[in-house]
Amino acid sequence: MEKDLVRISISIPKDLADFLDELVIKNNYSSRSEFIRDILREFAVEESWSQPKEEVIGVLTIIYDHHKRELSQKMIDIQHDYYINILCSTHIHLDHHNCLEVIIVKGKADEILNVVNSISGLNGVKFAKLTKTANIKL
């Protein structure tokens, strides 16, 4: 069942409206409304993450040198030191030296951020990026 839609009207300067239209076309949105709905949902995710005790979901992407002594074990130990749920992890060998690991986590925002900061600061981690999401009802 589709949610009830409410029509709203906003006033913005023409140059901002033109910019909005450019973004709608560039990003292949079907309408201004869909673009704005998407922005609001993204804002809702960020709002969830701004609440330290809110349960959220994230995807941590890491590229690291697997030849660095005990790095893999250190990353595993960090994951076990915090009370977050590791929902899934995938490990891919990129080349002789580098691995890509993707870890899907669920837990309190502040605890996930602590894990991300701890892992990204390890010697041998070349790239670490957290993609934030949340189970928003919008």
N, C-alpha and C. Protein backbone atom coordinates (compact mmCIF):
# COMPACT_ATOMS: atom_id res chain seq x y z
N MET A 1 0.84 -1.18 0.00
CA MET A 1 0.00 0.00 0.00
C MET A 1 0.88 1.24 0.00
N GLU A 2 0.64 2.14 -0.94
CA GLU A 2 1.42 3.36 -1.05
C GLU A 2 1.06 4.33 0.06
N LYS A 3 2.07 4.98 0.61
CA LYS A 3 1.84 5.97 1.66
C LYS A 3 1.05 7.15 1.09
N ASP A 4 0.31 7.81 1.97
CA ASP A 4 -0.38 9.02 1.55
C ASP A 4 0.64 10.07 1.17
N LEU A 5 0.40 10.72 0.04
CA LEU A 5 1.30 11.79 -0.39
C LEU A 5 0.71 13.12 0.02
N VAL A 6 1.57 14.02 0.44
CA VAL A 6 1.17 15.36 0.81
C VAL A 6 1.88 16.31 -0.14
N ARG A 7 1.14 17.18 -0.74
CA ARG A 7 1.74 18.16 -1.66
C ARG A 7 2.16 19.38 -0.85
N ILE A 8 3.42 19.80 -1.04
CA ILE A 8 3.91 21.01 -0.39
C ILE A 8 4.40 21.95 -1.47
N SER A 9 4.53 23.19 -1.14
CA SER A 9 5.04 24.18 -2.08
C SER A 9 6.18 24.92 -1.39
N ILE A 10 7.26 25.13 -2.12
CA ILE A 10 8.37 25.90 -1.58
C ILE A 10 8.75 26.98 -2.59
N SER A 11 9.33 28.03 -2.10
CA SER A 11 9.82 29.12 -2.95
C SER A 11 11.33 29.16 -2.84
N ILE A 12 12.00 29.09 -4.00
CA ILE A 12 13.45 29.17 -4.03
C ILE A 12 13.86 30.08 -5.18
N PRO A 13 15.05 30.67 -5.09
CA PRO A 13 15.53 31.52 -6.19
C PRO A 13 15.68 30.71 -7.48
N LYS A 14 15.53 31.41 -8.61
CA LYS A 14 15.59 30.74 -9.91
C LYS A 14 16.90 29.98 -10.12
N ASP A 15 18.03 30.58 -9.72
CA ASP A 15 19.30 29.89 -9.92
C ASP A 15 19.37 28.59 -9.11
N LEU A 16 18.76 28.57 -7.95
CA LEU A 16 18.71 27.34 -7.15
C LEU A 16 17.77 26.31 -7.81
N ALA A 17 16.67 26.79 -8.36
CA ALA A 17 15.74 25.89 -9.08
C ALA A 17 16.42 25.30 -10.31
N ASP A 18 17.19 26.13 -11.02
CA ASP A 18 17.93 25.64 -12.19
C ASP A 18 18.95 24.58 -11.78
N PHE A 19 19.64 24.85 -10.67
CA PHE A 19 20.62 23.89 -10.15
C PHE A 19 19.92 22.58 -9.77
N LEU A 20 18.77 22.68 -9.14
CA LEU A 20 17.98 21.49 -8.78
C LEU A 20 17.65 20.69 -10.03
N ASP A 21 17.18 21.37 -11.06
CA ASP A 21 16.82 20.68 -12.31
C ASP A 21 18.03 20.00 -12.94
N GLU A 22 19.19 20.66 -12.89
CA GLU A 22 20.42 20.05 -13.41
C GLU A 22 20.75 18.76 -12.66
N LEU A 23 20.63 18.81 -11.33
CA LEU A 23 20.92 17.62 -10.52
C LEU A 23 19.92 16.50 -10.78
N VAL A 24 18.67 16.85 -10.96
CA VAL A 24 17.64 15.84 -11.26
C VAL A 24 17.98 15.12 -12.56
N ILE A 25 18.34 15.88 -13.58
CA ILE A 25 18.69 15.29 -14.88
C ILE A 25 19.99 14.51 -14.79
N LYS A 26 21.03 15.12 -14.20
CA LYS A 26 22.35 14.48 -14.11
C LYS A 26 22.29 13.15 -13.37
N ASN A 27 21.47 13.07 -12.33
CA ASN A 27 21.39 11.87 -11.50
C ASN A 27 20.23 10.95 -11.88
N ASN A 28 19.61 11.23 -13.01
CA ASN A 28 18.55 10.38 -13.58
C ASN A 28 17.34 10.19 -12.66
N TYR A 29 16.99 11.21 -11.92
CA TYR A 29 15.77 11.15 -11.12
C TYR A 29 14.58 11.38 -12.02
N SER A 30 13.46 10.78 -11.68
CA SER A 30 12.27 10.93 -12.50
C SER A 30 11.57 12.27 -12.28
N SER A 31 11.87 12.91 -11.15
CA SER A 31 11.21 14.19 -10.86
C SER A 31 11.97 14.92 -9.76
N ARG A 32 11.65 16.20 -9.62
CA ARG A 32 12.18 16.98 -8.51
C ARG A 32 11.76 16.36 -7.19
N SER A 33 10.52 15.93 -7.14
CA SER A 33 9.99 15.36 -5.89
C SER A 33 10.79 14.15 -5.44
N GLU A 34 11.11 13.27 -6.38
CA GLU A 34 11.87 12.06 -6.01
C GLU A 34 13.26 12.44 -5.54
N PHE A 35 13.87 13.42 -6.17
CA PHE A 35 15.19 13.89 -5.77
C PHE A 35 15.14 14.44 -4.34
N ILE A 36 14.18 15.27 -4.05
CA ILE A 36 14.06 15.88 -2.73
C ILE A 36 13.73 14.82 -1.68
N ARG A 37 12.87 13.84 -2.02
CA ARG A 37 12.59 12.74 -1.08
C ARG A 37 13.87 11.99 -0.74
N ASP A 38 14.70 11.76 -1.75
CA ASP A 38 15.96 11.05 -1.53
C ASP A 38 16.90 11.85 -0.62
N ILE A 39 16.97 13.15 -0.84
CA ILE A 39 17.80 14.00 0.02
C ILE A 39 17.29 13.95 1.46
N LEU A 40 15.99 13.99 1.65
CA LEU A 40 15.43 13.94 3.00
C LEU A 40 15.71 12.59 3.67
N ARG A 41 15.64 11.51 2.91
CA ARG A 41 15.96 10.20 3.49
C ARG A 41 17.44 10.14 3.88
N GLU A 42 18.31 10.71 3.06
CA GLU A 42 19.73 10.75 3.39
C GLU A 42 19.95 11.57 4.66
N PHE A 43 19.25 12.67 4.78
CA PHE A 43 19.34 13.50 5.99
C PHE A 43 18.86 12.71 7.20
N ALA A 44 17.81 11.91 7.03
CA ALA A 44 17.29 11.09 8.14
C ALA A 44 18.33 10.07 8.60
N VAL A 45 19.07 9.49 7.65
CA VAL A 45 20.14 8.56 8.01
C VAL A 45 21.21 9.30 8.81
N GLU A 46 21.63 10.45 8.34
CA GLU A 46 22.64 11.24 9.06
C GLU A 46 22.14 11.61 10.45
N GLU A 47 20.87 11.94 10.56
CA GLU A 47 20.30 12.28 11.86
C GLU A 47 20.38 11.07 12.80
N SER A 48 20.09 9.88 12.29
CA SER A 48 20.21 8.67 13.11
C SER A 48 21.63 8.49 13.61
N TRP A 49 22.60 8.73 12.74
CA TRP A 49 24.00 8.57 13.11
C TRP A 49 24.47 9.64 14.09
N SER A 50 23.77 10.76 14.15
CA SER A 50 24.18 11.82 15.08
C SER A 50 23.75 11.51 16.52
N GLN A 51 22.92 10.51 16.69
CA GLN A 51 22.49 10.06 18.02
C GLN A 51 23.41 8.92 18.44
N PRO A 52 24.35 9.14 19.37
CA PRO A 52 25.38 8.14 19.68
C PRO A 52 24.84 6.76 20.08
N LYS A 53 23.69 6.72 20.69
CA LYS A 53 23.16 5.44 21.17
C LYS A 53 22.12 4.84 20.23
N GLU A 54 21.89 5.47 19.10
CA GLU A 54 20.94 4.97 18.11
C GLU A 54 21.50 3.74 17.42
N GLU A 55 20.67 2.72 17.21
CA GLU A 55 21.13 1.55 16.47
C GLU A 55 21.06 1.85 14.98
N VAL A 56 22.21 1.69 14.34
CA VAL A 56 22.34 2.02 12.92
C VAL A 56 23.08 0.88 12.21
N ILE A 57 23.23 1.03 10.92
CA ILE A 57 23.89 0.01 10.10
C ILE A 57 24.96 0.71 9.27
N GLY A 58 26.08 0.04 9.07
CA GLY A 58 27.13 0.62 8.26
C GLY A 58 27.86 -0.44 7.46
N VAL A 59 28.52 0.03 6.43
CA VAL A 59 29.37 -0.84 5.61
C VAL A 59 30.77 -0.25 5.63
N LEU A 60 31.69 -0.98 6.22
CA LEU A 60 33.07 -0.53 6.30
C LEU A 60 33.87 -1.21 5.19
N THR A 61 34.46 -0.40 4.33
CA THR A 61 35.29 -0.90 3.23
C THR A 61 36.74 -0.59 3.56
N ILE A 62 37.57 -1.62 3.52
CA ILE A 62 38.98 -1.48 3.90
C ILE A 62 39.86 -2.09 2.82
N ILE A 63 40.92 -1.40 2.49
CA ILE A 63 41.99 -1.98 1.67
C ILE A 63 43.24 -1.94 2.53
N TYR A 64 43.90 -3.07 2.60
CA TYR A 64 45.08 -3.15 3.48
C TYR A 64 46.12 -4.10 2.91
N ASP A 65 47.34 -3.93 3.39
CA ASP A 65 48.47 -4.78 3.02
C ASP A 65 48.47 -6.00 3.93
N HIS A 66 48.15 -7.15 3.37
CA HIS A 66 48.05 -8.34 4.23
C HIS A 66 49.42 -8.89 4.65
N HIS A 67 50.49 -8.29 4.15
CA HIS A 67 51.82 -8.70 4.58
C HIS A 67 52.25 -7.99 5.86
N LYS A 68 51.49 -6.99 6.30
CA LYS A 68 51.82 -6.31 7.55
C LYS A 68 51.60 -7.28 8.70
N ARG A 69 52.60 -7.43 9.49
CA ARG A 69 52.60 -8.40 10.58
C ARG A 69 51.42 -8.20 11.52
N GLU A 70 50.64 -9.24 11.68
CA GLU A 70 49.51 -9.34 12.62
C GLU A 70 48.39 -8.34 12.36
N LEU A 71 48.36 -7.69 11.20
CA LEU A 71 47.32 -6.70 10.92
C LEU A 71 45.93 -7.35 10.89
N SER A 72 45.80 -8.47 10.23
CA SER A 72 44.50 -9.15 10.17
C SER A 72 43.99 -9.49 11.57
N GLN A 73 44.88 -10.00 12.40
CA GLN A 73 44.48 -10.35 13.77
C GLN A 73 44.09 -9.11 14.57
N LYS A 74 44.80 -8.02 14.38
CA LYS A 74 44.47 -6.78 15.09
C LYS A 74 43.08 -6.29 14.68
N MET A 75 42.75 -6.39 13.38
CA MET A 75 41.44 -5.96 12.93
C MET A 75 40.34 -6.83 13.53
N ILE A 76 40.58 -8.11 13.59
CA ILE A 76 39.61 -9.03 14.20
C ILE A 76 39.45 -8.74 15.68
N ASP A 77 40.56 -8.52 16.37
CA ASP A 77 40.50 -8.20 17.81
C ASP A 77 39.69 -6.93 18.07
N ILE A 78 39.88 -5.91 17.25
CA ILE A 78 39.12 -4.66 17.40
C ILE A 78 37.64 -4.93 17.24
N GLN A 79 37.28 -5.74 16.26
CA GLN A 79 35.86 -6.05 16.03
C GLN A 79 35.26 -6.77 17.23
N HIS A 80 36.05 -7.59 17.89
CA HIS A 80 35.54 -8.33 19.05
C HIS A 80 35.51 -7.49 20.33
N ASP A 81 36.29 -6.41 20.35
CA ASP A 81 36.37 -5.57 21.55
C ASP A 81 35.15 -4.68 21.75
N TYR A 82 34.37 -4.47 20.72
CA TYR A 82 33.19 -3.60 20.82
C TYR A 82 31.94 -4.45 20.65
N TYR A 83 30.88 -4.01 21.31
CA TYR A 83 29.63 -4.75 21.22
C TYR A 83 28.83 -4.26 20.01
N ILE A 84 29.27 -4.69 18.85
CA ILE A 84 28.52 -4.45 17.63
C ILE A 84 28.32 -5.79 16.96
N ASN A 85 27.30 -5.87 16.17
CA ASN A 85 27.03 -7.09 15.44
C ASN A 85 27.71 -7.02 14.07
N ILE A 86 28.59 -7.96 13.83
CA ILE A 86 29.17 -8.10 12.50
C ILE A 86 28.19 -8.98 11.74
N LEU A 87 27.45 -8.39 10.82
CA LEU A 87 26.43 -9.14 10.09
C LEU A 87 27.03 -9.98 8.98
N CYS A 88 28.10 -9.46 8.40
CA CYS A 88 28.70 -10.16 7.27
C CYS A 88 30.05 -9.52 6.98
N SER A 89 30.99 -10.33 6.52
CA SER A 89 32.24 -9.75 6.02
C SER A 89 32.68 -10.54 4.80
N THR A 90 33.31 -9.83 3.90
CA THR A 90 33.81 -10.43 2.67
C THR A 90 35.25 -10.01 2.49
N HIS A 91 36.07 -10.97 2.16
CA HIS A 91 37.51 -10.74 2.00
C HIS A 91 37.88 -11.11 0.56
N ILE A 92 38.55 -10.17 -0.12
CA ILE A 92 38.95 -10.40 -1.52
C ILE A 92 40.43 -10.07 -1.66
N HIS A 93 41.16 -10.91 -2.33
CA HIS A 93 42.58 -10.67 -2.63
C HIS A 93 42.65 -9.83 -3.90
N LEU A 94 43.15 -8.61 -3.78
CA LEU A 94 43.25 -7.73 -4.95
C LEU A 94 44.49 -8.02 -5.78
N ASP A 95 45.59 -8.23 -5.09
CA ASP A 95 46.85 -8.57 -5.74
C ASP A 95 47.74 -9.23 -4.70
N HIS A 96 49.03 -9.35 -4.99
CA HIS A 96 49.93 -10.06 -4.09
C HIS A 96 50.02 -9.41 -2.70
N HIS A 97 49.86 -8.12 -2.63
CA HIS A 97 50.02 -7.41 -1.36
C HIS A 97 48.73 -6.92 -0.72
N ASN A 98 47.73 -6.65 -1.53
CA ASN A 98 46.55 -5.93 -1.04
C ASN A 98 45.29 -6.79 -0.98
N CYS A 99 44.54 -6.56 0.09
CA CYS A 99 43.26 -7.22 0.27
C CYS A 99 42.18 -6.16 0.43
N LEU A 100 41.00 -6.52 0.00
CA LEU A 100 39.82 -5.68 0.20
C LEU A 100 38.92 -6.44 1.16
N GLU A 101 38.49 -5.76 2.20
CA GLU A 101 37.56 -6.37 3.14
C GLU A 101 36.35 -5.45 3.28
N VAL A 102 35.18 -6.03 3.22
CA VAL A 102 33.94 -5.30 3.41
C VAL A 102 33.25 -5.91 4.62
N ILE A 103 32.93 -5.07 5.60
CA ILE A 103 32.33 -5.54 6.84
C ILE A 103 31.01 -4.80 7.04
N ILE A 104 29.93 -5.54 7.14
CA ILE A 104 28.62 -4.94 7.40
C ILE A 104 28.36 -5.05 8.90
N VAL A 105 28.11 -3.89 9.52
CA VAL A 105 27.97 -3.83 10.97
C VAL A 105 26.63 -3.21 11.35
N LYS A 106 26.18 -3.61 12.53
CA LYS A 106 24.94 -3.07 13.08
C LYS A 106 25.17 -2.86 14.56
N GLY A 107 24.80 -1.71 15.06
CA GLY A 107 24.98 -1.43 16.47
C GLY A 107 24.79 0.04 16.76
N LYS A 108 25.26 0.45 17.91
CA LYS A 108 25.16 1.85 18.31
C LYS A 108 26.16 2.68 17.51
N ALA A 109 25.72 3.84 17.09
CA ALA A 109 26.52 4.68 16.20
C ALA A 109 27.91 4.96 16.77
N ASP A 110 27.97 5.30 18.06
CA ASP A 110 29.27 5.65 18.64
C ASP A 110 30.21 4.45 18.68
N GLU A 111 29.69 3.26 18.92
CA GLU A 111 30.53 2.07 18.96
C GLU A 111 31.04 1.70 17.56
N ILE A 112 30.19 1.84 16.56
CA ILE A 112 30.63 1.57 15.19
C ILE A 112 31.73 2.56 14.80
N LEU A 113 31.54 3.82 15.12
CA LEU A 113 32.56 4.83 14.79
C LEU A 113 33.88 4.55 15.50
N ASN A 114 33.82 4.05 16.73
CA ASN A 114 35.06 3.68 17.44
C ASN A 114 35.78 2.55 16.72
N VAL A 115 35.04 1.56 16.25
CA VAL A 115 35.64 0.45 15.51
C VAL A 115 36.28 0.97 14.23
N VAL A 116 35.56 1.80 13.49
CA VAL A 116 36.07 2.35 12.23
C VAL A 116 37.35 3.14 12.48
N ASN A 117 37.33 4.01 13.47
CA ASN A 117 38.52 4.82 13.77
C ASN A 117 39.70 3.96 14.21
N SER A 118 39.43 2.93 14.99
CA SER A 118 40.51 2.04 15.44
C SER A 118 41.12 1.27 14.28
N ILE A 119 40.28 0.75 13.40
CA ILE A 119 40.79 -0.03 12.26
C ILE A 119 41.49 0.88 11.26
N SER A 120 40.91 2.03 10.96
CA SER A 120 41.50 2.89 9.93
C SER A 120 42.86 3.44 10.35
N GLY A 121 43.12 3.49 11.65
CA GLY A 121 44.40 4.00 12.14
C GLY A 121 45.51 2.97 12.22
N LEU A 122 45.21 1.72 11.91
CA LEU A 122 46.22 0.67 11.99
C LEU A 122 47.26 0.82 10.89
N ASN A 123 48.51 0.53 11.23
CA ASN A 123 49.59 0.53 10.25
C ASN A 123 49.34 -0.58 9.24
N GLY A 124 49.30 -0.22 7.97
CA GLY A 124 49.05 -1.18 6.91
C GLY A 124 47.68 -1.02 6.27
N VAL A 125 46.79 -0.29 6.94
CA VAL A 125 45.48 0.01 6.34
C VAL A 125 45.68 1.18 5.39
N LYS A 126 45.41 0.95 4.12
CA LYS A 126 45.65 1.97 3.10
C LYS A 126 44.41 2.81 2.82
N PHE A 127 43.25 2.24 3.07
CA PHE A 127 41.99 2.93 2.80
C PHE A 127 40.93 2.36 3.71
N ALA A 128 40.14 3.22 4.32
CA ALA A 128 39.01 2.77 5.12
C ALA A 128 37.90 3.80 4.97
N LYS A 129 36.74 3.33 4.59
CA LYS A 129 35.61 4.23 4.42
C LYS A 129 34.36 3.57 4.96
N LEU A 130 33.61 4.35 5.72
CA LEU A 130 32.35 3.88 6.27
C LEU A 130 31.21 4.48 5.46
N THR A 131 30.34 3.63 4.98
CA THR A 131 29.11 4.08 4.34
C THR A 131 28.01 3.90 5.38
N LYS A 132 27.36 4.98 5.71
CA LYS A 132 26.35 4.97 6.77
C LYS A 132 24.97 4.72 6.19
N THR A 133 24.20 3.94 6.93
CA THR A 133 22.78 3.77 6.62
C THR A 133 22.06 3.50 7.92
N ALA A 134 20.77 3.41 7.84
CA ALA A 134 19.95 3.15 9.03
C ALA A 134 18.62 2.59 8.56
N ASN A 135 17.95 1.95 9.45
CA ASN A 135 16.65 1.38 9.13
C ASN A 135 15.57 2.45 9.36
N ILE A 136 15.58 3.45 8.48
CA ILE A 136 14.62 4.55 8.62
C ILE A 136 13.29 4.12 8.04
N LYS A 137 12.23 4.68 8.54
CA LYS A 137 10.88 4.30 8.12
C LYS A 137 10.27 5.34 7.17
N LEU A 138 11.11 5.94 6.34
CA LEU A 138 10.61 6.98 5.43
C LEU A 138 10.58 6.50 4.01
